[in-house]
Amino acid sequence: MHDTTWFEIQGRPAVYIASSEFADAADVQAHALGLPDVRRIVVPHPIQDATDDEMRAKADAIVDAVIGALVQPSS
């Protein structure tokens, strides 16, 4: 979250990716850091026990959303 905020402050598009388990905590931190509308993508939890194939599937499922978030103006 801090890296995403830093890039946005520098005028560089950024998007954070969080697992659903941590989405609320990331939102709270985004508000605390002054960027409540920072671009975000939430992926299904869990992550740590996912196999390589499951992680590839999670990445494939969001790649278009990540690209779309990065090319849209931040709010």
PDB file of N, CA and C in Angstrom:
ATOM      1  N   MET A   1       0.822  -1.178   0.000  1.00  0.00           N
ATOM      2  CA  MET A   1       0.000   0.000   0.000  1.00  0.00           C
ATOM      3  C   MET A   1       0.870   1.248   0.000  1.00  0.00           C
ATOM      4  N   HIS A   2       1.934   1.235   0.787  1.00  0.00           N
ATOM      5  CA  HIS A   2       2.807   2.409   0.825  1.00  0.00           C
ATOM      6  C   HIS A   2       3.466   2.647  -0.531  1.00  0.00           C
ATOM      7  N   ASP A   3       3.910   1.595  -1.194  1.00  0.00           N
ATOM      8  CA  ASP A   3       4.530   1.758  -2.508  1.00  0.00           C
ATOM      9  C   ASP A   3       3.530   2.311  -3.517  1.00  0.00           C
ATOM     10  N   THR A   4       2.321   1.795  -3.495  1.00  0.00           N
ATOM     11  CA  THR A   4       1.290   2.279  -4.412  1.00  0.00           C
ATOM     12  C   THR A   4       1.042   3.761  -4.187  1.00  0.00           C
ATOM     13  N   THR A   5       0.936   4.158  -2.935  1.00  0.00           N
ATOM     14  CA  THR A   5       0.717   5.566  -2.592  1.00  0.00           C
ATOM     15  C   THR A   5       1.889   6.413  -3.077  1.00  0.00           C
ATOM     16  N   TRP A   6       3.112   5.945  -2.849  1.00  0.00           N
ATOM     17  CA  TRP A   6       4.295   6.707  -3.259  1.00  0.00           C
ATOM     18  C   TRP A   6       4.284   6.927  -4.767  1.00  0.00           C
ATOM     19  N   PHE A   7       4.036   5.870  -5.544  1.00  0.00           N
ATOM     20  CA  PHE A   7       4.001   6.015  -6.993  1.00  0.00           C
ATOM     21  C   PHE A   7       2.917   6.995  -7.426  1.00  0.00           C
ATOM     22  N   GLU A   8       1.742   6.910  -6.834  1.00  0.00           N
ATOM     23  CA  GLU A   8       0.650   7.819  -7.193  1.00  0.00           C
ATOM     24  C   GLU A   8       1.022   9.266  -6.884  1.00  0.00           C
ATOM     25  N   ILE A   9       1.631   9.512  -5.744  1.00  0.00           N
ATOM     26  CA  ILE A   9       2.054  10.866  -5.383  1.00  0.00           C
ATOM     27  C   ILE A   9       3.080  11.396  -6.380  1.00  0.00           C
ATOM     28  N   GLN A  10       3.904  10.489  -6.925  1.00  0.00           N
ATOM     29  CA  GLN A  10       4.912  10.873  -7.918  1.00  0.00           C
ATOM     30  C   GLN A  10       4.311  11.047  -9.314  1.00  0.00           C
ATOM     31  N   GLY A  11       3.005  10.802  -9.438  1.00  0.00           N
ATOM     32  CA  GLY A  11       2.343  10.948 -10.727  1.00  0.00           C
ATOM     33  C   GLY A  11       2.455   9.719 -11.615  1.00  0.00           C
ATOM     34  N   ARG A  12       2.838   8.597 -11.026  1.00  0.00           N
ATOM     35  CA  ARG A  12       2.965   7.352 -11.777  1.00  0.00           C
ATOM     36  C   ARG A  12       1.803   6.432 -11.426  1.00  0.00           C
ATOM     37  N   PRO A  13       1.091   5.960 -12.417  1.00  0.00           N
ATOM     38  CA  PRO A  13      -0.048   5.084 -12.130  1.00  0.00           C
ATOM     39  C   PRO A  13       0.382   3.839 -11.360  1.00  0.00           C
ATOM     40  N   ALA A  14      -0.401   3.475 -10.392  1.00  0.00           N
ATOM     41  CA  ALA A  14      -0.134   2.280  -9.591  1.00  0.00           C
ATOM     42  C   ALA A  14      -1.461   1.672  -9.166  1.00  0.00           C
ATOM     43  N   VAL A  15      -1.416   0.403  -8.890  1.00  0.00           N
ATOM     44  CA  VAL A  15      -2.597  -0.310  -8.414  1.00  0.00           C
ATOM     45  C   VAL A  15      -2.128  -1.325  -7.385  1.00  0.00           C
ATOM     46  N   TYR A  16      -2.825  -1.407  -6.272  1.00  0.00           N
ATOM     47  CA  TYR A  16      -2.441  -2.441  -5.325  1.00  0.00           C
ATOM     48  C   TYR A  16      -3.334  -3.649  -5.500  1.00  0.00           C
ATOM     49  N   ILE A  17      -2.732  -4.790  -5.239  1.00  0.00           N
ATOM     50  CA  ILE A  17      -3.446  -6.065  -5.336  1.00  0.00           C
ATOM     51  C   ILE A  17      -3.414  -6.680  -3.948  1.00  0.00           C
ATOM     52  N   ALA A  18      -4.581  -6.963  -3.427  1.00  0.00           N
ATOM     53  CA  ALA A  18      -4.687  -7.548  -2.087  1.00  0.00           C
ATOM     54  C   ALA A  18      -5.594  -8.759  -2.127  1.00  0.00           C
ATOM     55  N   SER A  19      -5.327  -9.710  -1.258  1.00  0.00           N
ATOM     56  CA  SER A  19      -6.253 -10.831  -1.163  1.00  0.00           C
ATOM     57  C   SER A  19      -7.478 -10.354  -0.384  1.00  0.00           C
ATOM     58  N   SER A  20      -8.584 -11.012  -0.628  1.00  0.00           N
ATOM     59  CA  SER A  20      -9.846 -10.589  -0.023  1.00  0.00           C
ATOM     60  C   SER A  20      -9.775 -10.531   1.503  1.00  0.00           C
ATOM     61  N   GLU A  21      -8.936 -11.345   2.089  1.00  0.00           N
ATOM     62  CA  GLU A  21      -8.777 -11.343   3.540  1.00  0.00           C
ATOM     63  C   GLU A  21      -8.251 -10.004   4.057  1.00  0.00           C
ATOM     64  N   PHE A  22      -7.477  -9.296   3.234  1.00  0.00           N
ATOM     65  CA  PHE A  22      -6.825  -8.062   3.663  1.00  0.00           C
ATOM     66  C   PHE A  22      -7.381  -6.812   2.984  1.00  0.00           C
ATOM     67  N   ALA A  23      -8.465  -6.948   2.247  1.00  0.00           N
ATOM     68  CA  ALA A  23      -9.029  -5.808   1.514  1.00  0.00           C
ATOM     69  C   ALA A  23      -9.457  -4.679   2.441  1.00  0.00           C
ATOM     70  N   ASP A  24     -10.128  -5.000   3.530  1.00  0.00           N
ATOM     71  CA  ASP A  24     -10.572  -3.947   4.455  1.00  0.00           C
ATOM     72  C   ASP A  24      -9.383  -3.229   5.085  1.00  0.00           C
ATOM     73  N   ALA A  25      -8.366  -3.969   5.479  1.00  0.00           N
ATOM     74  CA  ALA A  25      -7.173  -3.354   6.080  1.00  0.00           C
ATOM     75  C   ALA A  25      -6.473  -2.451   5.067  1.00  0.00           C
ATOM     76  N   ALA A  26      -6.405  -2.877   3.817  1.00  0.00           N
ATOM     77  CA  ALA A  26      -5.782  -2.048   2.782  1.00  0.00           C
ATOM     78  C   ALA A  26      -6.587  -0.774   2.546  1.00  0.00           C
ATOM     79  N   ASP A  27      -7.905  -0.869   2.574  1.00  0.00           N
ATOM     80  CA  ASP A  27      -8.747   0.321   2.418  1.00  0.00           C
ATOM     81  C   ASP A  27      -8.531   1.310   3.559  1.00  0.00           C
ATOM     82  N   VAL A  28      -8.446   0.801   4.778  1.00  0.00           N
ATOM     83  CA  VAL A  28      -8.197   1.665   5.935  1.00  0.00           C
ATOM     84  C   VAL A  28      -6.852   2.371   5.777  1.00  0.00           C
ATOM     85  N   GLN A  29      -5.850   1.610   5.348  1.00  0.00           N
ATOM     86  CA  GLN A  29      -4.531   2.203   5.173  1.00  0.00           C
ATOM     87  C   GLN A  29      -4.529   3.228   4.044  1.00  0.00           C
ATOM     88  N   ALA A  30      -5.256   2.961   2.962  1.00  0.00           N
ATOM     89  CA  ALA A  30      -5.342   3.931   1.863  1.00  0.00           C
ATOM     90  C   ALA A  30      -5.931   5.247   2.359  1.00  0.00           C
ATOM     91  N   HIS A  31      -6.970   5.174   3.177  1.00  0.00           N
ATOM     92  CA  HIS A  31      -7.554   6.392   3.757  1.00  0.00           C
ATOM     93  C   HIS A  31      -6.541   7.088   4.647  1.00  0.00           C
ATOM     94  N   ALA A  32      -5.845   6.336   5.478  1.00  0.00           N
ATOM     95  CA  ALA A  32      -4.866   6.926   6.402  1.00  0.00           C
ATOM     96  C   ALA A  32      -3.725   7.603   5.649  1.00  0.00           C
ATOM     97  N   LEU A  33      -3.391   7.075   4.479  1.00  0.00           N
ATOM     98  CA  LEU A  33      -2.302   7.638   3.682  1.00  0.00           C
ATOM     99  C   LEU A  33      -2.777   8.764   2.762  1.00  0.00           C
ATOM    100  N   GLY A  34      -4.065   9.076   2.812  1.00  0.00           N
ATOM    101  CA  GLY A  34      -4.592  10.215   2.064  1.00  0.00           C
ATOM    102  C   GLY A  34      -5.032   9.914   0.644  1.00  0.00           C
ATOM    103  N   LEU A  35      -5.115   8.640   0.269  1.00  0.00           N
ATOM    104  CA  LEU A  35      -5.567   8.282  -1.078  1.00  0.00           C
ATOM    105  C   LEU A  35      -6.678   7.243  -1.002  1.00  0.00           C
ATOM    106  N   PRO A  36      -7.840   7.658  -0.520  1.00  0.00           N
ATOM    107  CA  PRO A  36      -8.915   6.687  -0.333  1.00  0.00           C
ATOM    108  C   PRO A  36      -9.417   6.059  -1.634  1.00  0.00           C
ATOM    109  N   ASP A  37      -9.187   6.707  -2.769  1.00  0.00           N
ATOM    110  CA  ASP A  37      -9.668   6.184  -4.042  1.00  0.00           C
ATOM    111  C   ASP A  37      -8.563   5.547  -4.882  1.00  0.00           C
ATOM    112  N   VAL A  38      -7.461   5.190  -4.236  1.00  0.00           N
ATOM    113  CA  VAL A  38      -6.355   4.581  -4.968  1.00  0.00           C
ATOM    114  C   VAL A  38      -6.852   3.328  -5.682  1.00  0.00           C
ATOM    115  N   ARG A  39      -6.285   3.079  -6.855  1.00  0.00           N
ATOM    116  CA  ARG A  39      -6.702   1.928  -7.655  1.00  0.00           C
ATOM    117  C   ARG A  39      -6.359   0.634  -6.926  1.00  0.00           C
ATOM    118  N   ARG A  40      -7.296  -0.315  -6.974  1.00  0.00           N
ATOM    119  CA  ARG A  40      -7.099  -1.574  -6.260  1.00  0.00           C
ATOM    120  C   ARG A  40      -7.750  -2.726  -6.990  1.00  0.00           C
ATOM    121  N   ILE A  41      -7.168  -3.888  -6.789  1.00  0.00           N
ATOM    122  CA  ILE A  41      -7.714  -5.140  -7.303  1.00  0.00           C
ATOM    123  C   ILE A  41      -7.682  -6.117  -6.129  1.00  0.00           C
ATOM    124  N   VAL A  42      -8.785  -6.802  -5.923  1.00  0.00           N
ATOM    125  CA  VAL A  42      -8.863  -7.787  -4.832  1.00  0.00           C
ATOM    126  C   VAL A  42      -8.956  -9.177  -5.469  1.00  0.00           C
ATOM    127  N   VAL A  43      -8.099 -10.065  -4.979  1.00  0.00           N
ATOM    128  CA  VAL A  43      -8.099 -11.450  -5.459  1.00  0.00           C
ATOM    129  C   VAL A  43      -8.614 -12.366  -4.358  1.00  0.00           C
ATOM    130  N   PRO A  44      -9.178 -13.492  -4.730  1.00  0.00           N
ATOM    131  CA  PRO A  44      -9.686 -14.418  -3.717  1.00  0.00           C
ATOM    132  C   PRO A  44      -8.586 -14.937  -2.793  1.00  0.00           C
ATOM    133  N   HIS A  45      -8.923 -15.044  -1.547  1.00  0.00           N
ATOM    134  CA  HIS A  45      -8.037 -15.614  -0.543  1.00  0.00           C
ATOM    135  C   HIS A  45      -8.295 -17.115  -0.518  1.00  0.00           C
ATOM    136  N   PRO A  46      -7.381 -17.966  -0.209  1.00  0.00           N
ATOM    137  CA  PRO A  46      -6.032 -17.735   0.288  1.00  0.00           C
ATOM    138  C   PRO A  46      -5.009 -17.637  -0.842  1.00  0.00           C
ATOM    139  N   ILE A  47      -3.861 -17.126  -0.469  1.00  0.00           N
ATOM    140  CA  ILE A  47      -2.742 -16.997  -1.393  1.00  0.00           C
ATOM    141  C   ILE A  47      -1.616 -17.954  -1.013  1.00  0.00           C
ATOM    142  N   GLN A  48      -1.242 -17.959   0.252  1.00  0.00           N
ATOM    143  CA  GLN A  48      -0.025 -18.665   0.662  1.00  0.00           C
ATOM    144  C   GLN A  48      -0.054 -20.158   0.376  1.00  0.00           C
ATOM    145  N   ASP A  49      -1.215 -20.780   0.387  1.00  0.00           N
ATOM    146  CA  ASP A  49      -1.292 -22.216   0.133  1.00  0.00           C
ATOM    147  C   ASP A  49      -1.579 -22.556  -1.326  1.00  0.00           C
ATOM    148  N   ALA A  50      -1.690 -21.541  -2.161  1.00  0.00           N
ATOM    149  CA  ALA A  50      -2.013 -21.771  -3.566  1.00  0.00           C
ATOM    150  C   ALA A  50      -0.829 -22.406  -4.297  1.00  0.00           C
ATOM    151  N   THR A  51      -1.141 -23.306  -5.179  1.00  0.00           N
ATOM    152  CA  THR A  51      -0.112 -23.916  -6.016  1.00  0.00           C
ATOM    153  C   THR A  51       0.308 -22.918  -7.096  1.00  0.00           C
ATOM    154  N   ASP A  52       1.386 -23.231  -7.782  1.00  0.00           N
ATOM    155  CA  ASP A  52       1.819 -22.365  -8.884  1.00  0.00           C
ATOM    156  C   ASP A  52       0.715 -22.230  -9.934  1.00  0.00           C
ATOM    157  N   ASP A  53       0.064 -23.331 -10.249  1.00  0.00           N
ATOM    158  CA  ASP A  53      -1.020 -23.277 -11.241  1.00  0.00           C
ATOM    159  C   ASP A  53      -2.181 -22.423 -10.749  1.00  0.00           C
ATOM    160  N   GLU A  54      -2.516 -22.517  -9.475  1.00  0.00           N
ATOM    161  CA  GLU A  54      -3.593 -21.698  -8.911  1.00  0.00           C
ATOM    162  C   GLU A  54      -3.207 -20.218  -8.931  1.00  0.00           C
ATOM    163  N   MET A  55      -1.942 -19.909  -8.648  1.00  0.00           N
ATOM    164  CA  MET A  55      -1.501 -18.512  -8.689  1.00  0.00           C
ATOM    165  C   MET A  55      -1.529 -17.975 -10.112  1.00  0.00           C
ATOM    166  N   ARG A  56      -1.134 -18.808 -11.071  1.00  0.00           N
ATOM    167  CA  ARG A  56      -1.221 -18.377 -12.473  1.00  0.00           C
ATOM    168  C   ARG A  56      -2.668 -18.096 -12.856  1.00  0.00           C
ATOM    169  N   ALA A  57      -3.573 -18.931 -12.408  1.00  0.00           N
ATOM    170  CA  ALA A  57      -4.998 -18.726 -12.707  1.00  0.00           C
ATOM    171  C   ALA A  57      -5.498 -17.429 -12.074  1.00  0.00           C
ATOM    172  N   LYS A  58      -5.071 -17.150 -10.833  1.00  0.00           N
ATOM    173  CA  LYS A  58      -5.470 -15.899 -10.173  1.00  0.00           C
ATOM    174  C   LYS A  58      -4.935 -14.700 -10.951  1.00  0.00           C
ATOM    175  N   ALA A  59      -3.684 -14.785 -11.395  1.00  0.00           N
ATOM    176  CA  ALA A  59      -3.087 -13.688 -12.157  1.00  0.00           C
ATOM    177  C   ALA A  59      -3.786 -13.512 -13.497  1.00  0.00           C
ATOM    178  N   ASP A  60      -4.025 -14.628 -14.188  1.00  0.00           N
ATOM    179  CA  ASP A  60      -4.725 -14.553 -15.478  1.00  0.00           C
ATOM    180  C   ASP A  60      -6.110 -13.918 -15.332  1.00  0.00           C
ATOM    181  N   ALA A  61      -6.766 -14.191 -14.215  1.00  0.00           N
ATOM    182  CA  ALA A  61      -8.121 -13.680 -13.991  1.00  0.00           C
ATOM    183  C   ALA A  61      -8.157 -12.172 -13.790  1.00  0.00           C
ATOM    184  N   ILE A  62      -7.042 -11.567 -13.377  1.00  0.00           N
ATOM    185  CA  ILE A  62      -7.066 -10.129 -13.076  1.00  0.00           C
ATOM    186  C   ILE A  62      -6.215  -9.277 -13.996  1.00  0.00           C
ATOM    187  N   VAL A  63      -5.462  -9.883 -14.893  1.00  0.00           N
ATOM    188  CA  VAL A  63      -4.522  -9.095 -15.695  1.00  0.00           C
ATOM    189  C   VAL A  63      -5.226  -7.976 -16.462  1.00  0.00           C
ATOM    190  N   ASP A  64      -6.373  -8.236 -17.050  1.00  0.00           N
ATOM    191  CA  ASP A  64      -7.087  -7.182 -17.783  1.00  0.00           C
ATOM    192  C   ASP A  64      -7.560  -6.076 -16.839  1.00  0.00           C
ATOM    193  N   ALA A  65      -7.972  -6.446 -15.644  1.00  0.00           N
ATOM    194  CA  ALA A  65      -8.409  -5.442 -14.665  1.00  0.00           C
ATOM    195  C   ALA A  65      -7.234  -4.578 -14.210  1.00  0.00           C
ATOM    196  N   VAL A  66      -6.075  -5.174 -14.048  1.00  0.00           N
ATOM    197  CA  VAL A  66      -4.884  -4.405 -13.641  1.00  0.00           C
ATOM    198  C   VAL A  66      -4.507  -3.419 -14.739  1.00  0.00           C
ATOM    199  N   ILE A  67      -4.455  -3.896 -15.959  1.00  0.00           N
ATOM    200  CA  ILE A  67      -4.127  -3.004 -17.082  1.00  0.00           C
ATOM    201  C   ILE A  67      -5.168  -1.897 -17.194  1.00  0.00           C
ATOM    202  N   GLY A  68      -6.434  -2.270 -17.078  1.00  0.00           N
ATOM    203  CA  GLY A  68      -7.492  -1.264 -17.152  1.00  0.00           C
ATOM    204  C   GLY A  68      -7.371  -0.223 -16.060  1.00  0.00           C
ATOM    205  N   ALA A  69      -7.048  -0.651 -14.860  1.00  0.00           N
ATOM    206  CA  ALA A  69      -6.885   0.285 -13.744  1.00  0.00           C
ATOM    207  C   ALA A  69      -5.720   1.230 -13.992  1.00  0.00           C
ATOM    208  N   LEU A  70      -4.642   0.711 -14.563  1.00  0.00           N
ATOM    209  CA  LEU A  70      -3.453   1.540 -14.778  1.00  0.00           C
ATOM    210  C   LEU A  70      -3.634   2.574 -15.875  1.00  0.00           C
ATOM    211  N   VAL A  71      -4.475   2.299 -16.851  1.00  0.00           N
ATOM    212  CA  VAL A  71      -4.627   3.241 -17.951  1.00  0.00           C
ATOM    213  C   VAL A  71      -5.758   4.245 -17.726  1.00  0.00           C
ATOM    214  N   GLN A  72      -6.566   4.025 -16.707  1.00  0.00           N
ATOM    215  CA  GLN A  72      -7.647   4.969 -16.386  1.00  0.00           C
ATOM    216  C   GLN A  72      -7.096   6.068 -15.475  1.00  0.00           C
ATOM    217  N   PRO A  73      -7.549   7.295 -15.643  1.00  0.00           N
ATOM    218  CA  PRO A  73      -7.127   8.361 -14.729  1.00  0.00           C
ATOM    219  C   PRO A  73      -7.534   8.020 -13.284  1.00  0.00           C
ATOM    220  N   SER A  74      -6.643   8.346 -12.363  1.00  0.00           N
ATOM    221  CA  SER A  74      -6.992   8.108 -10.968  1.00  0.00           C
ATOM    222  C   SER A  74      -8.037   9.134 -10.526  1.00  0.00           C
ATOM    223  N   SER A  75      -8.837   8.730  -9.551  1.00  0.00           N
ATOM    224  CA  SER A  75      -9.882   9.653  -9.082  1.00  0.00           C
ATOM    225  C   SER A  75      -9.439  10.349  -7.818  1.00  0.00           C
TER     226      SER A  75
END
